[in-house]
Amino acid sequence: MKPEDLGQLMEKAREMQSRLGELQQELATRRFEGAAGGGMVTAVVTGALRVLEIRMEPSLLESGDRDMIQDLTAAAVNAALHHAQSMVQQELQRASAGMALPNLFEGETG
C-alpha cells in the first residue's frame, strides 16, 4: 500500500465517522411510537431511547385495573423502543453502505 493510499483511506474514514456521528445526532431527536391494547396505551420515545410520553385512553384509567395498565404500559414502551432501535439500525446501515471505501489493494498480489 502506498503512503498516499493510506492517507486517502484515513481521510475517507474521518469523513465516514463524521457523517455517521451527524446521522446519530439527527436520529436521536426523532420520535418513535409504540402502542398496546389496540391503541389504549401509546408510548413515544426518541432515537436515543428516551421515553418522552405515555398516552392512555381515559376508559383504561376509569377501569381501575392496575395490572392491565401496568402490562399495557410496559408493552407500549417496549414496542416503541423496539421500533426506535430497528429504525436507527436501518438508517445507520443504509448510510454506511453508501460510504464505500476505495479498494486500495487493487492490483496487488499477496
PDB file of N, CA and C in Angstrom:
ATOM      1  N   MET A   1       0.849  -1.173   0.000  1.00  0.00           N
ATOM      2  CA  MET A   1       0.000   0.000   0.000  1.00  0.00           C
ATOM      3  C   MET A   1       0.890   1.230   0.000  1.00  0.00           C
ATOM      4  N   LYS A   2       0.581   2.142  -0.890  1.00  0.00           N
ATOM      5  CA  LYS A   2       1.356   3.381  -0.999  1.00  0.00           C
ATOM      6  C   LYS A   2       0.942   4.353   0.106  1.00  0.00           C
ATOM      7  N   PRO A   3       1.861   5.219   0.551  1.00  0.00           N
ATOM      8  CA  PRO A   3       1.524   6.193   1.598  1.00  0.00           C
ATOM      9  C   PRO A   3       0.346   7.082   1.215  1.00  0.00           C
ATOM     10  N   GLU A   4       0.255   7.473  -0.065  1.00  0.00           N
ATOM     11  CA  GLU A   4      -0.874   8.328  -0.467  1.00  0.00           C
ATOM     12  C   GLU A   4      -2.199   7.569  -0.389  1.00  0.00           C
ATOM     13  N   ASP A   5      -2.153   6.230  -0.600  1.00  0.00           N
ATOM     14  CA  ASP A   5      -3.352   5.414  -0.463  1.00  0.00           C
ATOM     15  C   ASP A   5      -3.802   5.368   0.995  1.00  0.00           C
ATOM     16  N   LEU A   6      -2.841   5.272   1.902  1.00  0.00           N
ATOM     17  CA  LEU A   6      -3.158   5.251   3.323  1.00  0.00           C
ATOM     18  C   LEU A   6      -3.770   6.584   3.739  1.00  0.00           C
ATOM     19  N   GLY A   7      -3.233   7.665   3.233  1.00  0.00           N
ATOM     20  CA  GLY A   7      -3.793   8.993   3.523  1.00  0.00           C
ATOM     21  C   GLY A   7      -5.213   9.113   3.018  1.00  0.00           C
ATOM     22  N   GLN A   8      -5.457   8.588   1.827  1.00  0.00           N
ATOM     23  CA  GLN A   8      -6.807   8.618   1.247  1.00  0.00           C
ATOM     24  C   GLN A   8      -7.765   7.787   2.106  1.00  0.00           C
ATOM     25  N   LEU A   9      -7.302   6.631   2.549  1.00  0.00           N
ATOM     26  CA  LEU A   9      -8.114   5.767   3.394  1.00  0.00           C
ATOM     27  C   LEU A   9      -8.461   6.467   4.714  1.00  0.00           C
ATOM     28  N   MET A  10      -7.476   7.112   5.317  1.00  0.00           N
ATOM     29  CA  MET A  10      -7.702   7.802   6.585  1.00  0.00           C
ATOM     30  C   MET A  10      -8.695   8.953   6.408  1.00  0.00           C
ATOM     31  N   GLU A  11      -8.578   9.684   5.323  1.00  0.00           N
ATOM     32  CA  GLU A  11      -9.496  10.798   5.056  1.00  0.00           C
ATOM     33  C   GLU A  11     -10.924  10.283   4.881  1.00  0.00           C
ATOM     34  N   LYS A  12     -11.084   9.193   4.113  1.00  0.00           N
ATOM     35  CA  LYS A  12     -12.406   8.598   3.915  1.00  0.00           C
ATOM     36  C   LYS A  12     -12.979   8.134   5.254  1.00  0.00           C
ATOM     37  N   ALA A  13     -12.151   7.533   6.080  1.00  0.00           N
ATOM     38  CA  ALA A  13     -12.607   7.047   7.384  1.00  0.00           C
ATOM     39  C   ALA A  13     -13.062   8.208   8.263  1.00  0.00           C
ATOM     40  N   ARG A  14     -12.337   9.334   8.231  1.00  0.00           N
ATOM     41  CA  ARG A  14     -12.735  10.515   9.004  1.00  0.00           C
ATOM     42  C   ARG A  14     -14.068  11.067   8.506  1.00  0.00           C
ATOM     43  N   GLU A  15     -14.231  11.121   7.185  1.00  0.00           N
ATOM     44  CA  GLU A  15     -15.485  11.599   6.606  1.00  0.00           C
ATOM     45  C   GLU A  15     -16.642  10.700   7.033  1.00  0.00           C
ATOM     46  N   MET A  16     -16.422   9.392   6.950  1.00  0.00           N
ATOM     47  CA  MET A  16     -17.462   8.435   7.315  1.00  0.00           C
ATOM     48  C   MET A  16     -17.835   8.589   8.786  1.00  0.00           C
ATOM     49  N   GLN A  17     -16.846   8.719   9.639  1.00  0.00           N
ATOM     50  CA  GLN A  17     -17.092   8.865  11.063  1.00  0.00           C
ATOM     51  C   GLN A  17     -17.879  10.144  11.344  1.00  0.00           C
ATOM     52  N   SER A  18     -17.525  11.207  10.667  1.00  0.00           N
ATOM     53  CA  SER A  18     -18.217  12.476  10.849  1.00  0.00           C
ATOM     54  C   SER A  18     -19.670  12.383  10.401  1.00  0.00           C
ATOM     55  N   ARG A  19     -19.905  11.795   9.217  1.00  0.00           N
ATOM     56  CA  ARG A  19     -21.267  11.676   8.705  1.00  0.00           C
ATOM     57  C   ARG A  19     -22.128  10.759   9.572  1.00  0.00           C
ATOM     58  N   LEU A  20     -21.536   9.664  10.043  1.00  0.00           N
ATOM     59  CA  LEU A  20     -22.288   8.768  10.916  1.00  0.00           C
ATOM     60  C   LEU A  20     -22.609   9.433  12.253  1.00  0.00           C
ATOM     61  N   GLY A  21     -21.688  10.230  12.767  1.00  0.00           N
ATOM     62  CA  GLY A  21     -21.941  10.968  14.008  1.00  0.00           C
ATOM     63  C   GLY A  21     -23.075  11.961  13.841  1.00  0.00           C
ATOM     64  N   GLU A  22     -23.096  12.670  12.713  1.00  0.00           N
ATOM     65  CA  GLU A  22     -24.180  13.610  12.433  1.00  0.00           C
ATOM     66  C   GLU A  22     -25.510  12.878  12.318  1.00  0.00           C
ATOM     67  N   LEU A  23     -25.495  11.735  11.651  1.00  0.00           N
ATOM     68  CA  LEU A  23     -26.714  10.952  11.494  1.00  0.00           C
ATOM     69  C   LEU A  23     -27.212  10.461  12.850  1.00  0.00           C
ATOM     70  N   GLN A  24     -26.313  10.011  13.704  1.00  0.00           N
ATOM     71  CA  GLN A  24     -26.709   9.545  15.028  1.00  0.00           C
ATOM     72  C   GLN A  24     -27.356  10.669  15.832  1.00  0.00           C
ATOM     73  N   GLN A  25     -26.790  11.875  15.728  1.00  0.00           N
ATOM     74  CA  GLN A  25     -27.377  13.015  16.435  1.00  0.00           C
ATOM     75  C   GLN A  25     -28.777  13.317  15.906  1.00  0.00           C
ATOM     76  N   GLU A  26     -28.932  13.259  14.595  1.00  0.00           N
ATOM     77  CA  GLU A  26     -30.234  13.523  13.993  1.00  0.00           C
ATOM     78  C   GLU A  26     -31.239  12.447  14.402  1.00  0.00           C
ATOM     79  N   LEU A  27     -30.812  11.190  14.375  1.00  0.00           N
ATOM     80  CA  LEU A  27     -31.700  10.088  14.753  1.00  0.00           C
ATOM     81  C   LEU A  27     -32.100  10.167  16.223  1.00  0.00           C
ATOM     82  N   ALA A  28     -31.214  10.676  17.062  1.00  0.00           N
ATOM     83  CA  ALA A  28     -31.500  10.784  18.491  1.00  0.00           C
ATOM     84  C   ALA A  28     -32.672  11.722  18.760  1.00  0.00           C
ATOM     85  N   THR A  29     -32.942  12.647  17.851  1.00  0.00           N
ATOM     86  CA  THR A  29     -34.031  13.593  18.054  1.00  0.00           C
ATOM     87  C   THR A  29     -35.349  13.124  17.430  1.00  0.00           C
ATOM     88  N   ARG A  30     -35.306  12.087  16.627  1.00  0.00           N
ATOM     89  CA  ARG A  30     -36.536  11.570  16.016  1.00  0.00           C
ATOM     90  C   ARG A  30     -37.426  10.926  17.062  1.00  0.00           C
ATOM     91  N   ARG A  31     -38.718  10.956  16.799  1.00  0.00           N
ATOM     92  CA  ARG A  31     -39.707  10.368  17.702  1.00  0.00           C
ATOM     93  C   ARG A  31     -40.257   9.079  17.088  1.00  0.00           C
ATOM     94  N   PHE A  32     -40.416   8.071  17.939  1.00  0.00           N
ATOM     95  CA  PHE A  32     -40.943   6.778  17.514  1.00  0.00           C
ATOM     96  C   PHE A  32     -42.051   6.373  18.481  1.00  0.00           C
ATOM     97  N   GLU A  33     -43.099   5.770  17.936  1.00  0.00           N
ATOM     98  CA  GLU A  33     -44.235   5.376  18.764  1.00  0.00           C
ATOM     99  C   GLU A  33     -44.412   3.866  18.787  1.00  0.00           C
ATOM    100  N   GLY A  34     -44.976   3.409  19.876  1.00  0.00           N
ATOM    101  CA  GLY A  34     -45.388   2.027  20.013  1.00  0.00           C
ATOM    102  C   GLY A  34     -46.692   2.013  20.780  1.00  0.00           C
ATOM    103  N   ALA A  35     -47.548   1.061  20.483  1.00  0.00           N
ATOM    104  CA  ALA A  35     -48.848   1.006  21.144  1.00  0.00           C
ATOM    105  C   ALA A  35     -49.136  -0.403  21.634  1.00  0.00           C
ATOM    106  N   ALA A  36     -50.075  -0.491  22.571  1.00  0.00           N
ATOM    107  CA  ALA A  36     -50.517  -1.785  23.107  1.00  0.00           C
ATOM    108  C   ALA A  36     -52.004  -1.685  23.430  1.00  0.00           C
ATOM    109  N   GLY A  37     -52.613  -2.852  23.522  1.00  0.00           N
ATOM    110  CA  GLY A  37     -54.031  -2.886  23.858  1.00  0.00           C
ATOM    111  C   GLY A  37     -54.898  -2.240  22.807  1.00  0.00           C
ATOM    112  N   GLY A  38     -54.546  -2.443  21.542  1.00  0.00           N
ATOM    113  CA  GLY A  38     -55.339  -1.863  20.472  1.00  0.00           C
ATOM    114  C   GLY A  38     -55.287  -0.349  20.472  1.00  0.00           C
ATOM    115  N   GLY A  39     -54.176   0.211  20.954  1.00  0.00           N
ATOM    116  CA  GLY A  39     -54.010   1.660  20.976  1.00  0.00           C
ATOM    117  C   GLY A  39     -54.476   2.305  22.272  1.00  0.00           C
ATOM    118  N   MET A  40     -54.825   1.474  23.249  1.00  0.00           N
ATOM    119  CA  MET A  40     -55.257   2.038  24.534  1.00  0.00           C
ATOM    120  C   MET A  40     -54.111   2.744  25.247  1.00  0.00           C
ATOM    121  N   VAL A  41     -52.888   2.252  25.028  1.00  0.00           N
ATOM    122  CA  VAL A  41     -51.692   2.895  25.586  1.00  0.00           C
ATOM    123  C   VAL A  41     -50.709   3.107  24.453  1.00  0.00           C
ATOM    124  N   THR A  42     -50.177   4.320  24.357  1.00  0.00           N
ATOM    125  CA  THR A  42     -49.175   4.655  23.354  1.00  0.00           C
ATOM    126  C   THR A  42     -47.970   5.258  24.057  1.00  0.00           C
ATOM    127  N   ALA A  43     -46.802   4.806  23.665  1.00  0.00           N
ATOM    128  CA  ALA A  43     -45.549   5.348  24.196  1.00  0.00           C
ATOM    129  C   ALA A  43     -44.802   6.035  23.061  1.00  0.00           C
ATOM    130  N   VAL A  44     -44.156   7.145  23.375  1.00  0.00           N
ATOM    131  CA  VAL A  44     -43.348   7.886  22.416  1.00  0.00           C
ATOM    132  C   VAL A  44     -41.940   7.958  22.982  1.00  0.00           C
ATOM    133  N   VAL A  45     -40.962   7.521  22.170  1.00  0.00           N
ATOM    134  CA  VAL A  45     -39.557   7.546  22.585  1.00  0.00           C
ATOM    135  C   VAL A  45     -38.729   8.232  21.507  1.00  0.00           C
ATOM    136  N   THR A  46     -37.505   8.583  21.853  1.00  0.00           N
ATOM    137  CA  THR A  46     -36.584   9.158  20.886  1.00  0.00           C
ATOM    138  C   THR A  46     -35.669   8.072  20.339  1.00  0.00           C
ATOM    139  N   GLY A  47     -34.923   8.417  19.304  1.00  0.00           N
ATOM    140  CA  GLY A  47     -33.914   7.511  18.767  1.00  0.00           C
ATOM    141  C   GLY A  47     -32.777   7.276  19.742  1.00  0.00           C
ATOM    142  N   ALA A  48     -32.691   8.120  20.764  1.00  0.00           N
ATOM    143  CA  ALA A  48     -31.700   7.937  21.824  1.00  0.00           C
ATOM    144  C   ALA A  48     -32.265   7.046  22.938  1.00  0.00           C
ATOM    145  N   LEU A  49     -33.448   6.465  22.682  1.00  0.00           N
ATOM    146  CA  LEU A  49     -34.102   5.529  23.586  1.00  0.00           C
ATOM    147  C   LEU A  49     -34.508   6.172  24.916  1.00  0.00           C
ATOM    148  N   ARG A  50     -35.033   7.388  24.829  1.00  0.00           N
ATOM    149  CA  ARG A  50     -35.570   8.104  25.984  1.00  0.00           C
ATOM    150  C   ARG A  50     -37.086   8.179  25.842  1.00  0.00           C
ATOM    151  N   VAL A  51     -37.796   7.859  26.901  1.00  0.00           N
ATOM    152  CA  VAL A  51     -39.251   7.928  26.869  1.00  0.00           C
ATOM    153  C   VAL A  51     -39.668   9.390  26.989  1.00  0.00           C
ATOM    154  N   LEU A  52     -40.462   9.843  26.020  1.00  0.00           N
ATOM    155  CA  LEU A  52     -40.939  11.226  26.015  1.00  0.00           C
ATOM    156  C   LEU A  52     -42.356  11.354  26.551  1.00  0.00           C
ATOM    157  N   GLU A  53     -43.165  10.342  26.259  1.00  0.00           N
ATOM    158  CA  GLU A  53     -44.588  10.499  26.526  1.00  0.00           C
ATOM    159  C   GLU A  53     -45.264   9.134  26.635  1.00  0.00           C
ATOM    160  N   ILE A  54     -46.243   9.062  27.524  1.00  0.00           N
ATOM    161  CA  ILE A  54     -47.117   7.901  27.635  1.00  0.00           C
ATOM    162  C   ILE A  54     -48.546   8.456  27.556  1.00  0.00           C
ATOM    163  N   ARG A  55     -49.338   7.911  26.616  1.00  0.00           N
ATOM    164  CA  ARG A  55     -50.739   8.332  26.490  1.00  0.00           C
ATOM    165  C   ARG A  55     -51.633   7.127  26.767  1.00  0.00           C
ATOM    166  N   MET A  56     -52.712   7.380  27.514  1.00  0.00           N
ATOM    167  CA  MET A  56     -53.663   6.305  27.836  1.00  0.00           C
ATOM    168  C   MET A  56     -55.067   6.775  27.529  1.00  0.00           C
ATOM    169  N   GLU A  57     -55.850   5.842  27.027  1.00  0.00           N
ATOM    170  CA  GLU A  57     -57.273   6.121  26.806  1.00  0.00           C
ATOM    171  C   GLU A  57     -57.932   6.318  28.171  1.00  0.00           C
ATOM    172  N   PRO A  58     -58.767   7.319  28.295  1.00  0.00           N
ATOM    173  CA  PRO A  58     -59.438   7.562  29.582  1.00  0.00           C
ATOM    174  C   PRO A  58     -60.195   6.344  30.113  1.00  0.00           C
ATOM    175  N   SER A  59     -60.770   5.552  29.213  1.00  0.00           N
ATOM    176  CA  SER A  59     -61.533   4.379  29.662  1.00  0.00           C
ATOM    177  C   SER A  59     -60.648   3.367  30.387  1.00  0.00           C
ATOM    178  N   LEU A  60     -59.378   3.309  29.988  1.00  0.00           N
ATOM    179  CA  LEU A  60     -58.444   2.395  30.656  1.00  0.00           C
ATOM    180  C   LEU A  60     -58.214   2.844  32.091  1.00  0.00           C
ATOM    181  N   LEU A  61     -58.043   4.129  32.268  1.00  0.00           N
ATOM    182  CA  LEU A  61     -57.835   4.654  33.625  1.00  0.00           C
ATOM    183  C   LEU A  61     -59.090   4.485  34.472  1.00  0.00           C
ATOM    184  N   GLU A  62     -60.236   4.677  33.859  1.00  0.00           N
ATOM    185  CA  GLU A  62     -61.501   4.544  34.582  1.00  0.00           C
ATOM    186  C   GLU A  62     -61.747   3.109  35.030  1.00  0.00           C
ATOM    187  N   SER A  63     -61.184   2.154  34.290  1.00  0.00           N
ATOM    188  CA  SER A  63     -61.393   0.747  34.647  1.00  0.00           C
ATOM    189  C   SER A  63     -60.778   0.416  36.000  1.00  0.00           C
ATOM    190  N   GLY A  64     -59.701   1.134  36.329  1.00  0.00           N
ATOM    191  CA  GLY A  64     -59.041   0.898  37.610  1.00  0.00           C
ATOM    192  C   GLY A  64     -58.268  -0.412  37.672  1.00  0.00           C
ATOM    193  N   ASP A  65     -58.101  -1.091  36.548  1.00  0.00           N
ATOM    194  CA  ASP A  65     -57.387  -2.371  36.523  1.00  0.00           C
ATOM    195  C   ASP A  65     -55.876  -2.091  36.479  1.00  0.00           C
ATOM    196  N   ARG A  66     -55.324  -1.996  37.653  1.00  0.00           N
ATOM    197  CA  ARG A  66     -53.917  -1.616  37.793  1.00  0.00           C
ATOM    198  C   ARG A  66     -52.978  -2.553  37.043  1.00  0.00           C
ATOM    199  N   ASP A  67     -53.195  -3.853  37.144  1.00  0.00           N
ATOM    200  CA  ASP A  67     -52.320  -4.819  36.481  1.00  0.00           C
ATOM    201  C   ASP A  67     -52.351  -4.651  34.969  1.00  0.00           C
ATOM    202  N   MET A  68     -53.554  -4.444  34.421  1.00  0.00           N
ATOM    203  CA  MET A  68     -53.661  -4.268  32.982  1.00  0.00           C
ATOM    204  C   MET A  68     -52.974  -2.971  32.548  1.00  0.00           C
ATOM    205  N   ILE A  69     -53.143  -1.907  33.301  1.00  0.00           N
ATOM    206  CA  ILE A  69     -52.499  -0.628  32.975  1.00  0.00           C
ATOM    207  C   ILE A  69     -50.984  -0.797  32.956  1.00  0.00           C
ATOM    208  N   GLN A  70     -50.455  -1.478  33.960  1.00  0.00           N
ATOM    209  CA  GLN A  70     -49.011  -1.696  34.029  1.00  0.00           C
ATOM    210  C   GLN A  70     -48.522  -2.549  32.865  1.00  0.00           C
ATOM    211  N   ASP A  71     -49.240  -3.629  32.575  1.00  0.00           N
ATOM    212  CA  ASP A  71     -48.838  -4.515  31.478  1.00  0.00           C
ATOM    213  C   ASP A  71     -48.883  -3.796  30.135  1.00  0.00           C
ATOM    214  N   LEU A  72     -49.951  -3.059  29.885  1.00  0.00           N
ATOM    215  CA  LEU A  72     -50.076  -2.351  28.604  1.00  0.00           C
ATOM    216  C   LEU A  72     -49.037  -1.241  28.474  1.00  0.00           C
ATOM    217  N   THR A  73     -48.739  -0.582  29.582  1.00  0.00           N
ATOM    218  CA  THR A  73     -47.720   0.473  29.546  1.00  0.00           C
ATOM    219  C   THR A  73     -46.352  -0.118  29.218  1.00  0.00           C
ATOM    220  N   ALA A  74     -45.998  -1.210  29.870  1.00  0.00           N
ATOM    221  CA  ALA A  74     -44.717  -1.866  29.583  1.00  0.00           C
ATOM    222  C   ALA A  74     -44.665  -2.334  28.131  1.00  0.00           C
ATOM    223  N   ALA A  75     -45.756  -2.909  27.643  1.00  0.00           N
ATOM    224  CA  ALA A  75     -45.788  -3.399  26.259  1.00  0.00           C
ATOM    225  C   ALA A  75     -45.657  -2.242  25.265  1.00  0.00           C
ATOM    226  N   ALA A  76     -46.319  -1.130  25.529  1.00  0.00           N
ATOM    227  CA  ALA A  76     -46.238   0.025  24.626  1.00  0.00           C
ATOM    228  C   ALA A  76     -44.826   0.612  24.611  1.00  0.00           C
ATOM    229  N   VAL A  77     -44.214   0.717  25.774  1.00  0.00           N
ATOM    230  CA  VAL A  77     -42.840   1.243  25.846  1.00  0.00           C
ATOM    231  C   VAL A  77     -41.885   0.302  25.117  1.00  0.00           C
ATOM    232  N   ASN A  78     -42.024  -0.990  25.336  1.00  0.00           N
ATOM    233  CA  ASN A  78     -41.153  -1.950  24.650  1.00  0.00           C
ATOM    234  C   ASN A  78     -41.349  -1.909  23.139  1.00  0.00           C
ATOM    235  N   ALA A  79     -42.583  -1.755  22.689  1.00  0.00           N
ATOM    236  CA  ALA A  79     -42.844  -1.653  21.247  1.00  0.00           C
ATOM    237  C   ALA A  79     -42.203  -0.399  20.668  1.00  0.00           C
ATOM    238  N   ALA A  80     -42.307   0.709  21.373  1.00  0.00           N
ATOM    239  CA  ALA A  80     -41.704   1.965  20.897  1.00  0.00           C
ATOM    240  C   ALA A  80     -40.186   1.857  20.863  1.00  0.00           C
ATOM    241  N   LEU A  81     -39.597   1.279  21.899  1.00  0.00           N
ATOM    242  CA  LEU A  81     -38.140   1.116  21.939  1.00  0.00           C
ATOM    243  C   LEU A  81     -37.665   0.199  20.817  1.00  0.00           C
ATOM    244  N   HIS A  82     -38.401  -0.879  20.584  1.00  0.00           N
ATOM    245  CA  HIS A  82     -38.039  -1.796  19.507  1.00  0.00           C
ATOM    246  C   HIS A  82     -38.105  -1.086  18.149  1.00  0.00           C
ATOM    247  N   HIS A  83     -39.151  -0.312  17.932  1.00  0.00           N
ATOM    248  CA  HIS A  83     -39.293   0.435  16.681  1.00  0.00           C
ATOM    249  C   HIS A  83     -38.132   1.414  16.508  1.00  0.00           C
ATOM    250  N   ALA A  84     -37.798   2.137  17.570  1.00  0.00           N
ATOM    251  CA  ALA A  84     -36.695   3.102  17.508  1.00  0.00           C
ATOM    252  C   ALA A  84     -35.376   2.408  17.195  1.00  0.00           C
ATOM    253  N   GLN A  85     -35.087   1.331  17.898  1.00  0.00           N
ATOM    254  CA  GLN A  85     -33.829   0.610  17.677  1.00  0.00           C
ATOM    255  C   GLN A  85     -33.751   0.080  16.254  1.00  0.00           C
ATOM    256  N   SER A  86     -34.824  -0.471  15.778  1.00  0.00           N
ATOM    257  CA  SER A  86     -34.856  -1.024  14.430  1.00  0.00           C
ATOM    258  C   SER A  86     -34.631   0.054  13.372  1.00  0.00           C
ATOM    259  N   MET A  87     -35.317   1.172  13.503  1.00  0.00           N
ATOM    260  CA  MET A  87     -35.188   2.249  12.517  1.00  0.00           C
ATOM    261  C   MET A  87     -33.797   2.887  12.557  1.00  0.00           C
ATOM    262  N   VAL A  88     -33.252   3.085  13.742  1.00  0.00           N
ATOM    263  CA  VAL A  88     -31.907   3.657  13.863  1.00  0.00           C
ATOM    264  C   VAL A  88     -30.891   2.723  13.223  1.00  0.00           C
ATOM    265  N   GLN A  89     -31.007   1.424  13.492  1.00  0.00           N
ATOM    266  CA  GLN A  89     -30.079   0.453  12.911  1.00  0.00           C
ATOM    267  C   GLN A  89     -30.182   0.459  11.388  1.00  0.00           C
ATOM    268  N   GLN A  90     -31.401   0.486  10.863  1.00  0.00           N
ATOM    269  CA  GLN A  90     -31.585   0.510   9.410  1.00  0.00           C
ATOM    270  C   GLN A  90     -30.974   1.759   8.787  1.00  0.00           C
ATOM    271  N   GLU A  91     -31.195   2.904   9.402  1.00  0.00           N
ATOM    272  CA  GLU A  91     -30.659   4.161   8.873  1.00  0.00           C
ATOM    273  C   GLU A  91     -29.129   4.166   8.890  1.00  0.00           C
ATOM    274  N   LEU A  92     -28.544   3.684   9.969  1.00  0.00           N
ATOM    275  CA  LEU A  92     -27.080   3.653  10.064  1.00  0.00           C
ATOM    276  C   LEU A  92     -26.489   2.675   9.057  1.00  0.00           C
ATOM    277  N   GLN A  93     -27.139   1.526   8.867  1.00  0.00           N
ATOM    278  CA  GLN A  93     -26.651   0.567   7.878  1.00  0.00           C
ATOM    279  C   GLN A  93     -26.762   1.144   6.476  1.00  0.00           C
ATOM    280  N   ARG A  94     -27.878   1.803   6.190  1.00  0.00           N
ATOM    281  CA  ARG A  94     -28.074   2.405   4.871  1.00  0.00           C
ATOM    282  C   ARG A  94     -27.008   3.484   4.615  1.00  0.00           C
ATOM    283  N   ALA A  95     -26.748   4.294   5.626  1.00  0.00           N
ATOM    284  CA  ALA A  95     -25.767   5.368   5.470  1.00  0.00           C
ATOM    285  C   ALA A  95     -24.359   4.818   5.297  1.00  0.00           C
ATOM    286  N   SER A  96     -24.005   3.827   6.070  1.00  0.00           N
ATOM    287  CA  SER A  96     -22.646   3.291   5.982  1.00  0.00           C
ATOM    288  C   SER A  96     -22.441   2.494   4.699  1.00  0.00           C
ATOM    289  N   ALA A  97     -23.502   1.908   4.150  1.00  0.00           N
ATOM    290  CA  ALA A  97     -23.380   1.183   2.885  1.00  0.00           C
ATOM    291  C   ALA A  97     -23.076   2.145   1.744  1.00  0.00           C
ATOM    292  N   GLY A  98     -23.554   3.364   1.852  1.00  0.00           N
ATOM    293  CA  GLY A  98     -23.314   4.364   0.816  1.00  0.00           C
ATOM    294  C   GLY A  98     -21.949   5.022   0.918  1.00  0.00           C
ATOM    295  N   MET A  99     -21.165   4.610   1.902  1.00  0.00           N
ATOM    296  CA  MET A  99     -19.843   5.208   2.107  1.00  0.00           C
ATOM    297  C   MET A  99     -18.753   4.183   1.881  1.00  0.00           C
ATOM    298  N   ALA A 100     -18.783   3.554   0.744  1.00  0.00           N
ATOM    299  CA  ALA A 100     -17.806   2.505   0.446  1.00  0.00           C
ATOM    300  C   ALA A 100     -16.396   3.081   0.394  1.00  0.00           C
ATOM    301  N   LEU A 101     -15.482   2.374   1.004  1.00  0.00           N
ATOM    302  CA  LEU A 101     -14.075   2.772   0.956  1.00  0.00           C
ATOM    303  C   LEU A 101     -13.464   2.269  -0.350  1.00  0.00           C
ATOM    304  N   PRO A 102     -12.507   3.002  -0.882  1.00  0.00           N
ATOM    305  CA  PRO A 102     -11.891   2.566  -2.133  1.00  0.00           C
ATOM    306  C   PRO A 102     -11.111   1.273  -1.942  1.00  0.00           C
ATOM    307  N   ASN A 103     -10.994   0.504  -3.010  1.00  0.00           N
ATOM    308  CA  ASN A 103     -10.218  -0.730  -2.961  1.00  0.00           C
ATOM    309  C   ASN A 103      -8.752  -0.358  -3.140  1.00  0.00           C
ATOM    310  N   LEU A 104      -8.043  -0.258  -2.023  1.00  0.00           N
ATOM    311  CA  LEU A 104      -6.657   0.186  -2.059  1.00  0.00           C
ATOM    312  C   LEU A 104      -5.693  -0.941  -2.415  1.00  0.00           C
ATOM    313  N   PHE A 105      -6.191  -2.147  -2.435  1.00  0.00           N
ATOM    314  CA  PHE A 105      -5.322  -3.280  -2.696  1.00  0.00           C
ATOM    315  C   PHE A 105      -5.482  -3.809  -4.105  1.00  0.00           C
ATOM    316  N   GLU A 106      -6.208  -3.077  -4.919  1.00  0.00           N
ATOM    317  CA  GLU A 106      -6.451  -3.482  -6.293  1.00  0.00           C
ATOM    318  C   GLU A 106      -5.132  -3.630  -7.021  1.00  0.00           C
ATOM    319  N   GLY A 107      -4.985  -4.735  -7.678  1.00  0.00           N
ATOM    320  CA  GLY A 107      -3.779  -4.944  -8.474  1.00  0.00           C
ATOM    321  C   GLY A 107      -2.606  -5.495  -7.691  1.00  0.00           C
ATOM    322  N   GLU A 108      -2.709  -5.522  -6.348  1.00  0.00           N
ATOM    323  CA  GLU A 108      -1.607  -6.070  -5.540  1.00  0.00           C
ATOM    324  C   GLU A 108      -1.821  -7.560  -5.371  1.00  0.00           C
ATOM    325  N   THR A 109      -0.745  -8.269  -5.320  1.00  0.00           N
ATOM    326  CA  THR A 109      -0.829  -9.702  -5.051  1.00  0.00           C
ATOM    327  C   THR A 109      -0.128  -9.989  -3.743  1.00  0.00           C
ATOM    328  N   GLY A 110      -0.637 -10.974  -3.034  1.00  0.00           N
ATOM    329  CA  GLY A 110      -0.087 -11.252  -1.699  1.00  0.00           C
ATOM    330  C   GLY A 110       0.620 -12.489  -1.751  1.00  0.00           C
TER     331      GLY A 110
END
